[in-house]
């Protein structure tokens, strides 16, 4: 029982670090391509693709960490309690990641731009 508690604590601790990395990456993406730049589709594509690629990797790590935590929690809690915990702490960040990919999809696919000044 003690080792199960340590496993859960360890999984949550690593998940917490991963969530901080994801938040940092999302903030960086909004710095690289602020709303104004996204509106007019003016971004540095190489930089944007680099950060989006990193976010994809973090999303995959989040999925793996969630599955690992679920394996530990299922031994101690019922499925509805686990789902509630995930919905409270992980679903909002997953939704934010998915929204970010949708927002940046048109920007990252842009290959031609109008001349400035923008009117």
Protein backbone atom coordinates (compact mmCIF):
# COMPACT_ATOMS: atom_id res chain seq x y z
CA UNK A 1 0.00 0.00 0.00
CA UNK A 2 2.87 2.37 0.86
CA UNK A 3 4.52 1.83 -2.53
CA UNK A 4 1.20 2.58 -4.26
CA UNK A 5 1.03 5.93 -2.47
CA UNK A 6 4.60 6.71 -3.48
CA UNK A 7 3.80 5.76 -7.08
CA UNK A 8 0.75 8.04 -7.15
CA UNK A 9 2.68 10.89 -5.53
CA UNK A 10 5.57 10.45 -7.97
CA UNK A 11 3.21 10.37 -10.97
CA UNK A 12 1.40 13.51 -9.82
CA UNK A 13 4.71 15.27 -9.18
CA UNK A 14 5.99 14.49 -12.69
CA UNK A 15 2.60 15.48 -14.13
CA UNK A 16 2.82 18.80 -12.29
CA UNK A 17 6.21 19.51 -13.86
CA UNK A 18 4.86 18.57 -17.26
CA UNK A 19 1.89 20.93 -16.85
CA UNK A 20 4.31 23.78 -16.02
CA UNK A 21 6.29 23.03 -19.19
CA UNK A 22 3.08 23.04 -21.24
CA UNK A 23 1.95 26.37 -19.76
CA UNK A 24 5.38 27.82 -20.51
CA UNK A 25 5.24 26.58 -24.11
CA UNK A 26 1.76 28.02 -24.60
CA UNK A 27 2.94 31.37 -23.26
CA UNK A 28 5.95 31.27 -25.58
CA UNK A 29 3.71 30.53 -28.57
CA UNK A 30 1.61 33.58 -27.78
CA UNK A 31 4.81 35.62 -27.57
CA UNK A 32 6.13 34.32 -30.90
CA UNK A 33 2.78 34.86 -32.62
CA UNK A 34 0.64 37.35 -30.68
CA UNK A 35 -3.03 37.77 -31.54
CA UNK A 36 -2.32 40.71 -33.90
CA UNK A 37 0.17 38.64 -35.89
CA UNK A 38 -2.21 35.69 -36.03
CA UNK A 39 -4.99 38.00 -37.22
CA UNK A 40 -2.93 39.12 -40.22
CA UNK A 41 -1.10 35.80 -40.55
CA UNK A 42 2.32 37.41 -40.07
CA UNK A 43 4.53 35.02 -38.13
CA UNK A 44 8.00 33.56 -38.32
CA UNK A 45 7.01 30.12 -39.52
CA UNK A 46 10.23 28.37 -38.59
CA UNK A 47 9.97 29.56 -35.01
CA UNK A 48 6.25 28.81 -34.87
CA UNK A 49 6.73 25.28 -36.25
CA UNK A 50 9.53 24.67 -33.75
CA UNK A 51 7.32 25.63 -30.79
CA UNK A 52 4.29 23.76 -32.14
CA UNK A 53 6.42 20.66 -32.59
CA UNK A 54 7.54 20.96 -28.97
CA UNK A 55 3.93 21.35 -27.89
CA UNK A 56 2.99 18.19 -29.80
CA UNK A 57 5.72 16.31 -27.94
CA UNK A 58 4.50 17.70 -24.61
CA UNK A 59 0.93 16.70 -25.49
CA UNK A 60 2.11 13.15 -26.16
CA UNK A 61 3.99 13.15 -22.85
CA UNK A 62 0.82 14.36 -21.12
CA UNK A 63 -1.16 11.49 -22.61
CA UNK A 64 1.47 8.99 -21.44
CA UNK A 65 1.66 10.52 -17.95
CA UNK A 66 -2.14 10.49 -17.70
CA UNK A 67 -2.23 6.79 -18.62
CA UNK A 68 0.50 5.96 -16.09
CA UNK A 69 -1.30 7.86 -13.34
CA UNK A 70 -4.57 6.17 -14.27
CA UNK A 71 -2.94 2.75 -13.83
CA UNK A 72 -1.95 3.68 -10.27
CA UNK A 73 -5.20 5.42 -9.34
CA UNK A 74 -7.40 2.57 -10.57
CA UNK A 75 -5.97 0.39 -7.80
CA UNK A 76 -7.23 2.79 -5.14
CA UNK A 77 -10.16 4.80 -6.52
CA UNK A 78 -13.29 4.18 -8.54
CA UNK A 79 -13.42 5.21 -12.18
CA UNK A 80 -15.81 8.12 -11.56
CA UNK A 81 -13.45 9.64 -8.97
CA UNK A 82 -10.51 9.30 -11.37
CA UNK A 83 -12.51 10.84 -14.23
CA UNK A 84 -13.52 13.75 -12.00
CA UNK A 85 -9.89 14.37 -11.03
CA UNK A 86 -8.77 14.27 -14.66
CA UNK A 87 -11.64 16.56 -15.69
CA UNK A 88 -10.70 19.08 -13.01
CA UNK A 89 -6.93 19.12 -13.49
CA UNK A 90 -6.07 17.81 -16.97
CA UNK A 91 -9.00 18.39 -19.32
CA UNK A 92 -8.71 22.22 -19.21
CA UNK A 93 -5.05 22.11 -20.30
CA UNK A 94 -5.82 19.47 -22.95
CA UNK A 95 -8.56 21.74 -24.31
CA UNK A 96 -6.17 24.69 -24.29
CA UNK A 97 -3.59 22.67 -26.26
CA UNK A 98 -6.19 21.58 -28.82
CA UNK A 99 -7.48 25.15 -29.19
CA UNK A 100 -3.92 26.36 -29.72
CA UNK A 101 -3.36 23.86 -32.53
CA UNK A 102 -6.61 24.97 -34.19
CA UNK A 103 -5.73 28.67 -33.84
CA UNK A 104 -2.26 28.24 -35.28
CA UNK A 105 -3.22 25.85 -38.08
CA UNK A 106 -4.11 28.61 -40.56
CA UNK A 107 -1.06 30.63 -39.54
CA UNK A 108 1.37 27.75 -39.97
CA UNK A 109 -0.06 26.85 -43.40
CA UNK A 110 0.27 30.39 -44.80
CA UNK A 111 2.88 30.68 -47.57
CA UNK A 112 2.21 34.12 -49.13
CA UNK A 113 1.61 37.50 -47.50
CA UNK A 114 0.27 40.85 -48.70
CA UNK A 115 2.51 43.91 -48.75
CA UNK A 116 2.55 46.20 -45.77
CA UNK A 117 1.06 48.54 -44.59
CA UNK A 118 -1.93 46.60 -43.49
CA UNK A 119 -5.24 48.32 -43.94
